[in-house]
């Protein structure tokens, strides 16, 4: 991401309605740009190779490769990509596993749109360890 350019966001969630809703949400903010989406972890890893997003909104529980495993792989292969876990579950153990896998933070799916936008912005600024 260069200064003044939009934050390039990828959405990973196994529910189509969630991905569509996040697509519409991102259109409301000039500084956020949807550049890719995936329905599972395997596709997320593959898309990262091509699209190189700045931030990924990653669901935790998905069939096949879940968000925890996908986060580990993406952070190993692409340490410059920051991952924000997005979940509907208030489960501290799962959130902790995502953070240990390399997510920079997590947010609940019932967050207000401004909270989610701010979380994406904060994740984009997260320094690579």
N, C-alpha and C. Protein backbone atom coordinates (compact mmCIF):
# COMPACT_ATOMS: atom_id res chain seq x y z
N UNK A 1 0.85 -1.19 0.00
CA UNK A 1 0.00 0.00 0.00
C UNK A 1 0.89 1.24 0.00
N UNK A 2 0.59 2.15 -0.86
CA UNK A 2 1.31 3.41 -0.88
C UNK A 2 0.42 4.50 -0.32
N UNK A 3 1.04 5.54 0.20
CA UNK A 3 0.28 6.61 0.82
C UNK A 3 -0.69 7.23 -0.20
N UNK A 4 -1.93 7.40 0.22
CA UNK A 4 -2.94 7.97 -0.65
C UNK A 4 -3.71 6.94 -1.46
N UNK A 5 -3.18 5.72 -1.57
CA UNK A 5 -3.90 4.69 -2.31
C UNK A 5 -4.82 3.93 -1.36
N UNK A 6 -5.90 3.36 -1.90
CA UNK A 6 -6.83 2.65 -1.02
C UNK A 6 -6.20 1.40 -0.41
N UNK A 7 -6.72 1.00 0.71
CA UNK A 7 -6.30 -0.25 1.36
C UNK A 7 -6.94 -1.38 0.60
N UNK A 8 -6.13 -2.28 0.09
CA UNK A 8 -6.59 -3.41 -0.71
C UNK A 8 -7.03 -4.55 0.21
N UNK A 9 -8.31 -4.88 0.17
CA UNK A 9 -8.91 -5.82 1.12
C UNK A 9 -9.39 -7.07 0.39
N UNK A 10 -9.15 -8.21 1.02
CA UNK A 10 -9.70 -9.48 0.55
C UNK A 10 -10.61 -10.02 1.64
N UNK A 11 -11.73 -10.61 1.24
CA UNK A 11 -12.70 -11.17 2.17
C UNK A 11 -12.70 -12.69 2.02
N UNK A 12 -12.56 -13.40 3.14
CA UNK A 12 -12.59 -14.86 3.13
C UNK A 12 -13.67 -15.32 4.09
N UNK A 13 -14.73 -15.89 3.55
CA UNK A 13 -15.85 -16.38 4.37
C UNK A 13 -16.60 -17.42 3.55
N UNK A 14 -17.03 -18.49 4.20
CA UNK A 14 -17.72 -19.55 3.47
C UNK A 14 -19.18 -19.22 3.18
N UNK A 15 -19.70 -18.14 3.74
CA UNK A 15 -21.08 -17.75 3.49
C UNK A 15 -21.13 -16.65 2.43
N UNK A 16 -21.80 -16.95 1.32
CA UNK A 16 -21.90 -16.01 0.22
C UNK A 16 -22.54 -14.69 0.65
N UNK A 17 -23.57 -14.78 1.48
CA UNK A 17 -24.27 -13.56 1.90
C UNK A 17 -23.35 -12.65 2.71
N UNK A 18 -22.44 -13.23 3.47
CA UNK A 18 -21.49 -12.42 4.24
C UNK A 18 -20.51 -11.74 3.28
N UNK A 19 -20.00 -12.51 2.32
CA UNK A 19 -19.08 -11.91 1.34
C UNK A 19 -19.75 -10.79 0.57
N UNK A 20 -20.99 -10.98 0.15
CA UNK A 20 -21.72 -9.94 -0.59
C UNK A 20 -21.95 -8.71 0.29
N UNK A 21 -22.32 -8.94 1.54
CA UNK A 21 -22.54 -7.82 2.45
C UNK A 21 -21.27 -7.02 2.67
N UNK A 22 -20.14 -7.70 2.82
CA UNK A 22 -18.88 -7.01 3.01
C UNK A 22 -18.46 -6.27 1.74
N UNK A 23 -18.81 -6.83 0.60
CA UNK A 23 -18.52 -6.15 -0.67
C UNK A 23 -19.25 -4.80 -0.71
N UNK A 24 -20.51 -4.80 -0.35
CA UNK A 24 -21.31 -3.56 -0.34
C UNK A 24 -20.75 -2.60 0.73
N UNK A 25 -20.42 -3.13 1.89
CA UNK A 25 -19.85 -2.33 2.97
C UNK A 25 -18.59 -1.59 2.49
N UNK A 26 -17.70 -2.31 1.81
CA UNK A 26 -16.44 -1.70 1.38
C UNK A 26 -16.65 -0.58 0.37
N UNK A 27 -17.72 -0.65 -0.40
CA UNK A 27 -18.02 0.41 -1.38
C UNK A 27 -18.33 1.75 -0.71
N UNK A 28 -18.70 1.72 0.55
CA UNK A 28 -19.07 2.94 1.26
C UNK A 28 -17.86 3.77 1.70
N UNK A 29 -16.66 3.21 1.56
CA UNK A 29 -15.45 3.88 2.04
C UNK A 29 -14.46 4.04 0.89
N UNK A 30 -14.10 5.28 0.59
CA UNK A 30 -13.19 5.56 -0.51
C UNK A 30 -11.80 5.01 -0.28
N UNK A 31 -11.41 4.83 0.98
CA UNK A 31 -10.05 4.37 1.27
C UNK A 31 -9.95 2.85 1.39
N UNK A 32 -11.05 2.13 1.14
CA UNK A 32 -11.05 0.67 1.20
C UNK A 32 -11.49 0.11 -0.15
N UNK A 33 -10.76 -0.87 -0.65
CA UNK A 33 -11.05 -1.43 -1.96
C UNK A 33 -11.04 -2.95 -1.89
N UNK A 34 -12.14 -3.57 -2.29
CA UNK A 34 -12.21 -5.03 -2.37
C UNK A 34 -11.45 -5.48 -3.60
N UNK A 35 -10.45 -6.35 -3.40
CA UNK A 35 -9.68 -6.83 -4.55
C UNK A 35 -9.79 -8.34 -4.74
N UNK A 36 -10.45 -9.01 -3.82
CA UNK A 36 -10.59 -10.45 -3.96
C UNK A 36 -11.45 -11.02 -2.86
N UNK A 37 -11.97 -12.21 -3.12
CA UNK A 37 -12.74 -12.90 -2.11
C UNK A 37 -12.59 -14.39 -2.31
N UNK A 38 -12.75 -15.13 -1.22
CA UNK A 38 -12.62 -16.58 -1.25
C UNK A 38 -13.62 -17.19 -0.28
N UNK A 39 -14.04 -18.41 -0.58
CA UNK A 39 -15.01 -19.12 0.26
C UNK A 39 -14.36 -20.11 1.20
N UNK A 40 -13.03 -20.27 1.11
CA UNK A 40 -12.33 -21.20 2.00
C UNK A 40 -10.85 -20.84 2.06
N UNK A 41 -10.15 -21.49 2.97
CA UNK A 41 -8.75 -21.19 3.18
C UNK A 41 -7.86 -21.51 2.00
N UNK A 42 -8.14 -22.64 1.32
CA UNK A 42 -7.32 -23.02 0.17
C UNK A 42 -7.36 -21.94 -0.91
N UNK A 43 -8.56 -21.47 -1.22
CA UNK A 43 -8.70 -20.43 -2.23
C UNK A 43 -8.04 -19.12 -1.77
N UNK A 44 -8.13 -18.84 -0.48
CA UNK A 44 -7.53 -17.61 0.05
C UNK A 44 -6.02 -17.61 -0.18
N UNK A 45 -5.37 -18.73 0.09
CA UNK A 45 -3.92 -18.82 -0.11
C UNK A 45 -3.59 -18.61 -1.58
N UNK A 46 -4.33 -19.24 -2.45
CA UNK A 46 -4.10 -19.13 -3.89
C UNK A 46 -4.31 -17.69 -4.38
N UNK A 47 -5.36 -17.05 -3.92
CA UNK A 47 -5.66 -15.68 -4.35
C UNK A 47 -4.60 -14.70 -3.83
N UNK A 48 -4.10 -14.94 -2.64
CA UNK A 48 -3.04 -14.06 -2.09
C UNK A 48 -1.82 -14.05 -3.00
N UNK A 49 -1.52 -15.19 -3.58
CA UNK A 49 -0.37 -15.29 -4.48
C UNK A 49 -0.51 -14.29 -5.63
N UNK A 50 -1.71 -14.18 -6.18
CA UNK A 50 -1.94 -13.31 -7.34
C UNK A 50 -2.25 -11.87 -6.96
N UNK A 51 -3.08 -11.67 -5.94
CA UNK A 51 -3.65 -10.34 -5.67
C UNK A 51 -2.87 -9.52 -4.66
N UNK A 52 -2.16 -10.15 -3.74
CA UNK A 52 -1.36 -9.44 -2.74
C UNK A 52 -2.16 -8.35 -2.01
N UNK A 53 -3.21 -8.73 -1.28
CA UNK A 53 -3.99 -7.72 -0.55
C UNK A 53 -3.16 -7.11 0.58
N UNK A 54 -3.60 -5.97 1.05
CA UNK A 54 -2.98 -5.36 2.24
C UNK A 54 -3.54 -6.00 3.51
N UNK A 55 -4.87 -6.23 3.50
CA UNK A 55 -5.57 -6.78 4.67
C UNK A 55 -6.54 -7.85 4.20
N UNK A 56 -6.62 -8.92 4.98
CA UNK A 56 -7.61 -9.97 4.73
C UNK A 56 -8.57 -10.00 5.91
N UNK A 57 -9.87 -9.97 5.60
CA UNK A 57 -10.90 -10.23 6.61
C UNK A 57 -11.14 -11.73 6.55
N UNK A 58 -10.72 -12.46 7.58
CA UNK A 58 -10.70 -13.92 7.55
C UNK A 58 -11.68 -14.51 8.55
N UNK A 59 -12.65 -15.25 8.03
CA UNK A 59 -13.53 -16.03 8.89
C UNK A 59 -12.69 -17.13 9.54
N UNK A 60 -13.08 -17.56 10.72
CA UNK A 60 -12.30 -18.59 11.42
C UNK A 60 -12.78 -19.99 11.05
N UNK A 61 -14.07 -20.22 11.15
CA UNK A 61 -14.62 -21.56 10.94
C UNK A 61 -15.15 -21.67 9.52
N UNK A 62 -14.47 -22.51 8.72
CA UNK A 62 -14.87 -22.77 7.34
C UNK A 62 -14.59 -24.23 7.03
N UNK A 63 -15.34 -24.82 6.10
CA UNK A 63 -15.04 -26.20 5.72
C UNK A 63 -13.71 -26.29 4.99
N UNK A 64 -13.10 -27.46 5.03
CA UNK A 64 -11.78 -27.63 4.42
C UNK A 64 -10.75 -26.93 5.27
N UNK A 65 -9.93 -26.12 4.66
CA UNK A 65 -8.92 -25.37 5.41
C UNK A 65 -9.59 -24.21 6.13
N UNK A 66 -9.51 -24.22 7.46
CA UNK A 66 -10.16 -23.16 8.24
C UNK A 66 -9.30 -21.90 8.26
N UNK A 67 -9.83 -20.87 8.91
CA UNK A 67 -9.13 -19.59 8.95
C UNK A 67 -7.83 -19.63 9.72
N UNK A 68 -7.73 -20.49 10.71
CA UNK A 68 -6.50 -20.58 11.50
C UNK A 68 -5.36 -21.12 10.64
N UNK A 69 -5.61 -22.23 9.95
CA UNK A 69 -4.57 -22.81 9.09
C UNK A 69 -4.23 -21.87 7.93
N UNK A 70 -5.25 -21.27 7.32
CA UNK A 70 -5.00 -20.35 6.21
C UNK A 70 -4.17 -19.15 6.68
N UNK A 71 -4.46 -18.65 7.87
CA UNK A 71 -3.70 -17.53 8.42
C UNK A 71 -2.24 -17.90 8.61
N UNK A 72 -1.98 -19.09 9.16
CA UNK A 72 -0.60 -19.54 9.36
C UNK A 72 0.16 -19.59 8.04
N UNK A 73 -0.47 -20.17 7.03
CA UNK A 73 0.19 -20.32 5.73
C UNK A 73 0.42 -18.96 5.07
N UNK A 74 -0.60 -18.13 5.08
CA UNK A 74 -0.47 -16.81 4.44
C UNK A 74 0.60 -15.98 5.13
N UNK A 75 0.61 -15.97 6.46
CA UNK A 75 1.61 -15.16 7.18
C UNK A 75 3.03 -15.69 6.95
N UNK A 76 3.17 -17.01 6.77
CA UNK A 76 4.50 -17.57 6.47
C UNK A 76 4.95 -17.18 5.07
N UNK A 77 4.05 -17.29 4.10
CA UNK A 77 4.41 -17.02 2.70
C UNK A 77 4.41 -15.53 2.36
N UNK A 78 3.53 -14.79 2.99
CA UNK A 78 3.35 -13.37 2.66
C UNK A 78 3.28 -12.55 3.96
N UNK A 79 4.39 -12.38 4.64
CA UNK A 79 4.37 -11.72 5.95
C UNK A 79 3.90 -10.26 5.91
N UNK A 80 3.88 -9.65 4.73
CA UNK A 80 3.42 -8.26 4.59
C UNK A 80 1.90 -8.15 4.56
N UNK A 81 1.19 -9.27 4.41
CA UNK A 81 -0.27 -9.25 4.38
C UNK A 81 -0.78 -9.39 5.81
N UNK A 82 -1.57 -8.44 6.25
CA UNK A 82 -2.12 -8.47 7.60
C UNK A 82 -3.52 -9.07 7.58
N UNK A 83 -3.80 -9.87 8.60
CA UNK A 83 -5.06 -10.60 8.65
C UNK A 83 -5.84 -10.17 9.88
N UNK A 84 -7.09 -9.84 9.63
CA UNK A 84 -8.04 -9.46 10.67
C UNK A 84 -9.09 -10.56 10.74
N UNK A 85 -9.13 -11.28 11.85
CA UNK A 85 -10.13 -12.34 12.01
C UNK A 85 -11.51 -11.71 12.16
N UNK A 86 -12.45 -12.26 11.43
CA UNK A 86 -13.83 -11.77 11.46
C UNK A 86 -14.71 -12.96 11.80
N UNK A 87 -15.36 -12.91 12.94
CA UNK A 87 -16.11 -14.07 13.41
C UNK A 87 -17.44 -13.68 14.02
N UNK A 88 -18.36 -14.61 13.98
CA UNK A 88 -19.65 -14.39 14.63
C UNK A 88 -19.66 -14.95 16.05
N UNK A 89 -18.60 -15.68 16.40
CA UNK A 89 -18.53 -16.34 17.70
C UNK A 89 -17.69 -15.55 18.69
N UNK A 90 -18.21 -15.35 19.87
CA UNK A 90 -17.42 -14.74 20.95
C UNK A 90 -16.74 -15.88 21.70
N UNK A 91 -15.68 -16.41 21.09
CA UNK A 91 -14.97 -17.56 21.62
C UNK A 91 -13.51 -17.15 21.82
N UNK A 92 -13.14 -16.90 23.07
CA UNK A 92 -11.79 -16.41 23.35
C UNK A 92 -10.71 -17.40 22.93
N UNK A 93 -10.98 -18.70 23.04
CA UNK A 93 -9.99 -19.71 22.66
C UNK A 93 -9.72 -19.67 21.15
N UNK A 94 -10.78 -19.55 20.34
CA UNK A 94 -10.59 -19.46 18.88
C UNK A 94 -9.89 -18.16 18.51
N UNK A 95 -10.27 -17.08 19.14
CA UNK A 95 -9.63 -15.80 18.86
C UNK A 95 -8.14 -15.88 19.19
N UNK A 96 -7.80 -16.50 20.30
CA UNK A 96 -6.40 -16.65 20.70
C UNK A 96 -5.63 -17.51 19.68
N UNK A 97 -6.27 -18.55 19.17
CA UNK A 97 -5.62 -19.39 18.15
C UNK A 97 -5.35 -18.58 16.88
N UNK A 98 -6.30 -17.72 16.51
CA UNK A 98 -6.09 -16.88 15.33
C UNK A 98 -4.93 -15.91 15.54
N UNK A 99 -4.87 -15.33 16.73
CA UNK A 99 -3.78 -14.40 17.02
C UNK A 99 -2.44 -15.12 17.01
N UNK A 100 -2.40 -16.33 17.57
CA UNK A 100 -1.17 -17.12 17.56
C UNK A 100 -0.78 -17.53 16.14
N UNK A 101 -1.77 -17.71 15.27
CA UNK A 101 -1.51 -18.07 13.87
C UNK A 101 -0.96 -16.89 13.07
N UNK A 102 -1.14 -15.67 13.59
CA UNK A 102 -0.59 -14.51 12.91
C UNK A 102 -1.57 -13.39 12.61
N UNK A 103 -2.84 -13.57 12.99
CA UNK A 103 -3.80 -12.47 12.81
C UNK A 103 -3.38 -11.30 13.69
N UNK A 104 -3.58 -10.08 13.19
CA UNK A 104 -3.20 -8.91 13.96
C UNK A 104 -4.26 -8.52 14.98
N UNK A 105 -5.50 -8.95 14.75
CA UNK A 105 -6.59 -8.65 15.67
C UNK A 105 -7.81 -9.45 15.22
N UNK A 106 -8.88 -9.35 15.97
CA UNK A 106 -10.13 -9.96 15.55
C UNK A 106 -11.28 -9.04 15.88
N UNK A 107 -12.37 -9.20 15.14
CA UNK A 107 -13.55 -8.38 15.34
C UNK A 107 -14.78 -9.24 15.10
N UNK A 108 -15.83 -8.96 15.82
CA UNK A 108 -17.07 -9.71 15.67
C UNK A 108 -17.86 -9.21 14.47
N UNK A 109 -18.58 -10.13 13.83
CA UNK A 109 -19.36 -9.77 12.64
C UNK A 109 -20.50 -8.81 12.94
N UNK A 110 -20.87 -8.68 14.20
CA UNK A 110 -21.95 -7.74 14.53
C UNK A 110 -21.41 -6.35 14.87
N UNK A 111 -20.16 -6.07 14.53
CA UNK A 111 -19.57 -4.75 14.77
C UNK A 111 -20.27 -3.71 13.91
N UNK A 112 -20.26 -2.49 14.36
CA UNK A 112 -20.76 -1.37 13.56
C UNK A 112 -19.85 -1.16 12.36
N UNK A 113 -20.39 -0.62 11.27
CA UNK A 113 -19.58 -0.50 10.06
C UNK A 113 -18.36 0.41 10.26
N UNK A 114 -18.50 1.46 11.04
CA UNK A 114 -17.35 2.33 11.29
C UNK A 114 -16.29 1.62 12.12
N UNK A 115 -16.72 0.76 13.04
CA UNK A 115 -15.76 -0.03 13.83
C UNK A 115 -14.98 -0.98 12.92
N UNK A 116 -15.68 -1.62 12.00
CA UNK A 116 -15.01 -2.54 11.09
C UNK A 116 -14.05 -1.79 10.17
N UNK A 117 -14.47 -0.66 9.64
CA UNK A 117 -13.59 0.15 8.79
C UNK A 117 -12.34 0.58 9.56
N UNK A 118 -12.53 1.02 10.79
CA UNK A 118 -11.38 1.42 11.61
C UNK A 118 -10.46 0.24 11.90
N UNK A 119 -11.03 -0.94 12.11
CA UNK A 119 -10.22 -2.15 12.37
C UNK A 119 -9.40 -2.51 11.13
N UNK A 120 -9.99 -2.36 9.95
CA UNK A 120 -9.25 -2.63 8.71
C UNK A 120 -8.11 -1.64 8.56
N UNK A 121 -8.39 -0.37 8.83
CA UNK A 121 -7.34 0.66 8.73
C UNK A 121 -6.20 0.37 9.71
N UNK A 122 -6.56 0.01 10.95
CA UNK A 122 -5.54 -0.30 11.96
C UNK A 122 -4.73 -1.52 11.54
N UNK A 123 -5.40 -2.54 11.00
CA UNK A 123 -4.69 -3.74 10.55
C UNK A 123 -3.72 -3.41 9.42
N UNK A 124 -4.10 -2.49 8.55
CA UNK A 124 -3.22 -2.14 7.43
C UNK A 124 -1.94 -1.45 7.90
N UNK A 125 -1.99 -0.84 9.06
CA UNK A 125 -0.84 -0.12 9.60
C UNK A 125 0.04 -0.99 10.50
N UNK A 126 -0.43 -2.20 10.76
CA UNK A 126 0.30 -3.10 11.66
C UNK A 126 1.67 -3.42 11.09
N UNK A 127 2.69 -3.20 11.88
CA UNK A 127 4.05 -3.46 11.43
C UNK A 127 4.32 -4.95 11.37
N UNK A 128 5.04 -5.37 10.34
CA UNK A 128 5.43 -6.76 10.21
C UNK A 128 6.48 -7.08 11.26
N UNK A 129 6.24 -8.13 12.06
CA UNK A 129 7.23 -8.46 13.12
C UNK A 129 8.55 -8.91 12.55
